[in-house]
């Protein structure tokens, strides 16, 4: 199933590893910040909108910075799976 993650970007649920809240990234979360920094240096970060990112979606090969909140992305995924039941 494809999910809209902001801007003109959609990704398949098959490749989603995790969805994380940007606001939870603080000085204390060095590992997450380092992960994003390394992905950016490797050219694997995609900014899906010019709006301020509220979350980031990690897939098997990319990190997407999106202005859509974790709660909204979660509702979209839950709605899609409940529709398939």
N, C-alpha and C. Protein backbone atom coordinates (compact mmCIF):
# COMPACT_ATOMS: atom_id res chain seq x y z
N UNK A 1 0.84 -1.16 0.00
CA UNK A 1 0.00 0.00 0.00
C UNK A 1 0.89 1.24 0.00
N UNK A 2 0.54 2.22 -0.79
CA UNK A 2 1.28 3.47 -0.85
C UNK A 2 0.69 4.48 0.12
N UNK A 3 1.56 5.24 0.77
CA UNK A 3 1.14 6.25 1.72
C UNK A 3 1.72 7.60 1.33
N UNK A 4 0.88 8.62 1.40
CA UNK A 4 1.32 9.99 1.14
C UNK A 4 2.04 10.49 2.39
N UNK A 5 3.27 10.96 2.21
CA UNK A 5 4.05 11.41 3.36
C UNK A 5 4.36 12.90 3.31
N UNK A 6 3.71 13.61 2.40
CA UNK A 6 3.92 15.05 2.29
C UNK A 6 4.43 15.43 0.92
N UNK A 7 4.21 16.70 0.57
CA UNK A 7 4.62 17.18 -0.74
C UNK A 7 4.00 16.31 -1.81
N UNK A 8 4.80 15.86 -2.72
CA UNK A 8 4.33 14.95 -3.77
C UNK A 8 4.90 13.55 -3.58
N UNK A 9 5.23 13.22 -2.35
CA UNK A 9 5.91 11.95 -2.06
C UNK A 9 4.97 10.90 -1.49
N UNK A 10 5.08 9.71 -2.03
CA UNK A 10 4.39 8.54 -1.48
C UNK A 10 5.43 7.42 -1.39
N UNK A 11 5.24 6.57 -0.39
CA UNK A 11 6.13 5.42 -0.24
C UNK A 11 5.30 4.19 0.09
N UNK A 12 5.86 3.05 -0.18
CA UNK A 12 5.19 1.79 0.10
C UNK A 12 5.39 1.41 1.57
N UNK A 13 4.32 0.91 2.18
CA UNK A 13 4.42 0.46 3.57
C UNK A 13 5.40 -0.70 3.72
N UNK A 14 5.68 -1.40 2.65
CA UNK A 14 6.60 -2.55 2.71
C UNK A 14 8.02 -2.14 3.08
N UNK A 15 8.37 -0.88 2.80
CA UNK A 15 9.74 -0.44 3.00
C UNK A 15 9.92 0.43 4.24
N UNK A 16 8.84 0.73 4.96
CA UNK A 16 8.94 1.57 6.14
C UNK A 16 9.57 0.79 7.29
N UNK A 17 10.63 1.36 7.83
CA UNK A 17 11.30 0.77 8.99
C UNK A 17 10.76 1.43 10.26
N UNK A 18 10.53 2.74 10.20
CA UNK A 18 10.02 3.45 11.36
C UNK A 18 9.62 4.87 11.02
N UNK A 19 8.77 5.43 11.87
CA UNK A 19 8.33 6.82 11.74
C UNK A 19 8.61 7.47 13.09
N UNK A 20 9.33 8.60 13.06
CA UNK A 20 9.81 9.21 14.28
C UNK A 20 9.48 10.70 14.34
N UNK A 21 9.28 11.19 15.53
CA UNK A 21 8.90 12.57 15.79
C UNK A 21 10.15 13.45 15.85
N UNK A 22 10.19 14.50 15.04
CA UNK A 22 11.33 15.42 15.05
C UNK A 22 11.44 16.16 16.38
N UNK A 23 10.31 16.46 17.01
CA UNK A 23 10.33 17.20 18.27
C UNK A 23 10.97 16.39 19.39
N UNK A 24 10.99 15.07 19.24
CA UNK A 24 11.60 14.23 20.28
C UNK A 24 13.12 14.24 20.17
N UNK A 25 13.64 14.78 19.07
CA UNK A 25 15.09 14.87 18.93
C UNK A 25 15.59 16.03 19.76
N UNK A 26 16.33 15.73 20.78
CA UNK A 26 16.90 16.74 21.65
C UNK A 26 18.40 16.54 21.71
N UNK A 27 19.03 17.34 22.47
CA UNK A 27 20.47 17.20 22.65
C UNK A 27 20.81 15.82 23.19
N UNK A 28 19.89 15.25 23.96
CA UNK A 28 20.13 13.94 24.56
C UNK A 28 20.00 12.78 23.57
N UNK A 29 19.43 13.03 22.39
CA UNK A 29 19.22 11.94 21.43
C UNK A 29 20.30 11.97 20.35
N UNK A 30 21.54 11.88 20.78
CA UNK A 30 22.67 11.96 19.87
C UNK A 30 22.62 10.90 18.79
N UNK A 31 22.16 9.69 19.12
CA UNK A 31 22.15 8.60 18.14
C UNK A 31 21.23 8.91 16.97
N UNK A 32 20.04 9.43 17.24
CA UNK A 32 19.11 9.76 16.16
C UNK A 32 19.64 10.90 15.31
N UNK A 33 20.20 11.91 15.94
CA UNK A 33 20.76 13.04 15.20
C UNK A 33 21.94 12.57 14.35
N UNK A 34 22.80 11.73 14.91
CA UNK A 34 23.92 11.18 14.14
C UNK A 34 23.44 10.34 12.97
N UNK A 35 22.36 9.57 13.20
CA UNK A 35 21.79 8.74 12.13
C UNK A 35 21.35 9.61 10.96
N UNK A 36 20.62 10.68 11.26
CA UNK A 36 20.15 11.59 10.20
C UNK A 36 21.33 12.27 9.53
N UNK A 37 22.30 12.69 10.29
CA UNK A 37 23.49 13.35 9.73
C UNK A 37 24.24 12.41 8.78
N UNK A 38 24.42 11.16 9.19
CA UNK A 38 25.11 10.19 8.34
C UNK A 38 24.32 9.89 7.07
N UNK A 39 23.01 9.80 7.20
CA UNK A 39 22.16 9.57 6.02
C UNK A 39 22.27 10.75 5.07
N UNK A 40 22.32 11.96 5.62
CA UNK A 40 22.44 13.15 4.79
C UNK A 40 23.78 13.17 4.06
N UNK A 41 24.84 12.84 4.77
CA UNK A 41 26.17 12.80 4.15
C UNK A 41 26.25 11.75 3.04
N UNK A 42 25.48 10.67 3.19
CA UNK A 42 25.46 9.61 2.18
C UNK A 42 24.47 9.92 1.05
N UNK A 43 23.80 11.05 1.12
CA UNK A 43 22.85 11.43 0.07
C UNK A 43 21.54 10.66 0.13
N UNK A 44 21.17 10.18 1.32
CA UNK A 44 19.97 9.38 1.45
C UNK A 44 18.82 10.10 2.16
N UNK A 45 18.95 11.42 2.36
CA UNK A 45 17.88 12.19 3.00
C UNK A 45 17.11 12.94 1.92
N UNK A 46 15.80 12.85 2.01
CA UNK A 46 14.94 13.55 1.07
C UNK A 46 13.98 14.44 1.86
N UNK A 47 13.99 15.72 1.55
CA UNK A 47 13.07 16.66 2.17
C UNK A 47 11.86 16.76 1.26
N UNK A 48 10.70 16.35 1.75
CA UNK A 48 9.53 16.20 0.88
C UNK A 48 8.72 17.49 0.72
N UNK A 49 9.03 18.51 1.53
CA UNK A 49 8.26 19.75 1.47
C UNK A 49 9.12 20.89 2.00
N UNK A 50 8.78 22.10 1.60
CA UNK A 50 9.51 23.26 2.10
C UNK A 50 9.06 23.65 3.50
N UNK A 51 8.00 23.01 4.00
CA UNK A 51 7.52 23.29 5.35
C UNK A 51 8.47 22.67 6.38
N UNK A 52 8.39 23.16 7.60
CA UNK A 52 9.24 22.66 8.68
C UNK A 52 8.91 21.18 8.94
N UNK A 53 9.93 20.31 8.96
CA UNK A 53 9.67 18.88 9.20
C UNK A 53 9.17 18.63 10.62
N UNK A 54 8.12 17.83 10.73
CA UNK A 54 7.58 17.44 12.03
C UNK A 54 7.92 15.99 12.36
N UNK A 55 8.27 15.22 11.33
CA UNK A 55 8.63 13.83 11.56
C UNK A 55 9.59 13.38 10.48
N UNK A 56 10.17 12.20 10.70
CA UNK A 56 10.99 11.61 9.64
C UNK A 56 10.63 10.14 9.52
N UNK A 57 10.59 9.70 8.27
CA UNK A 57 10.23 8.33 7.94
C UNK A 57 11.49 7.64 7.45
N UNK A 58 11.82 6.55 8.10
CA UNK A 58 13.00 5.78 7.73
C UNK A 58 12.53 4.57 6.92
N UNK A 59 13.09 4.44 5.72
CA UNK A 59 12.82 3.27 4.89
C UNK A 59 14.11 2.48 4.78
N UNK A 60 14.07 1.43 4.01
CA UNK A 60 15.24 0.58 3.89
C UNK A 60 16.42 1.29 3.24
N UNK A 61 16.15 2.33 2.44
CA UNK A 61 17.26 2.98 1.76
C UNK A 61 17.28 4.50 1.85
N UNK A 62 16.27 5.12 2.48
CA UNK A 62 16.20 6.58 2.54
C UNK A 62 15.62 7.05 3.86
N UNK A 63 15.83 8.34 4.13
CA UNK A 63 15.19 9.01 5.26
C UNK A 63 14.44 10.20 4.68
N UNK A 64 13.14 10.25 4.95
CA UNK A 64 12.29 11.31 4.43
C UNK A 64 11.92 12.26 5.56
N UNK A 65 12.21 13.55 5.38
CA UNK A 65 11.79 14.56 6.35
C UNK A 65 10.47 15.12 5.86
N UNK A 66 9.43 15.05 6.70
CA UNK A 66 8.09 15.40 6.28
C UNK A 66 7.42 16.35 7.27
N UNK A 67 6.60 17.27 6.78
CA UNK A 67 5.88 18.17 7.68
C UNK A 67 4.65 17.53 8.31
N UNK A 68 4.37 16.30 7.96
CA UNK A 68 3.19 15.60 8.50
C UNK A 68 3.57 14.96 9.84
N UNK A 69 2.71 15.11 10.82
CA UNK A 69 3.00 14.60 12.16
C UNK A 69 2.97 13.07 12.19
N UNK A 70 3.63 12.52 13.18
CA UNK A 70 3.62 11.07 13.39
C UNK A 70 2.18 10.58 13.58
N UNK A 71 1.39 11.32 14.34
CA UNK A 71 0.00 10.92 14.60
C UNK A 71 -0.80 10.82 13.31
N UNK A 72 -0.64 11.78 12.41
CA UNK A 72 -1.37 11.76 11.14
C UNK A 72 -0.90 10.60 10.28
N UNK A 73 0.40 10.38 10.20
CA UNK A 73 0.91 9.26 9.41
C UNK A 73 0.41 7.94 9.98
N UNK A 74 0.37 7.84 11.29
CA UNK A 74 -0.11 6.61 11.93
C UNK A 74 -1.59 6.38 11.59
N UNK A 75 -2.41 7.45 11.66
CA UNK A 75 -3.83 7.31 11.31
C UNK A 75 -4.00 6.85 9.87
N UNK A 76 -3.19 7.38 8.98
CA UNK A 76 -3.29 6.97 7.57
C UNK A 76 -2.98 5.49 7.41
N UNK A 77 -1.97 5.02 8.11
CA UNK A 77 -1.60 3.61 8.02
C UNK A 77 -2.70 2.75 8.63
N UNK A 78 -3.19 3.13 9.80
CA UNK A 78 -4.26 2.36 10.45
C UNK A 78 -5.52 2.33 9.60
N UNK A 79 -5.88 3.44 9.00
CA UNK A 79 -7.07 3.52 8.16
C UNK A 79 -6.92 2.59 6.95
N UNK A 80 -5.75 2.59 6.35
CA UNK A 80 -5.53 1.74 5.18
C UNK A 80 -5.64 0.27 5.55
N UNK A 81 -5.08 -0.11 6.70
CA UNK A 81 -5.14 -1.51 7.10
C UNK A 81 -6.53 -1.92 7.55
N UNK A 82 -7.28 -1.02 8.17
CA UNK A 82 -8.64 -1.35 8.59
C UNK A 82 -9.55 -1.45 7.38
N UNK A 83 -9.25 -0.68 6.33
CA UNK A 83 -10.04 -0.73 5.09
C UNK A 83 -9.88 -2.08 4.41
N UNK A 84 -8.69 -2.69 4.57
CA UNK A 84 -8.40 -3.96 3.92
C UNK A 84 -9.01 -5.15 4.67
N UNK A 85 -9.47 -4.97 5.90
CA UNK A 85 -10.03 -6.07 6.70
C UNK A 85 -11.35 -6.57 6.15
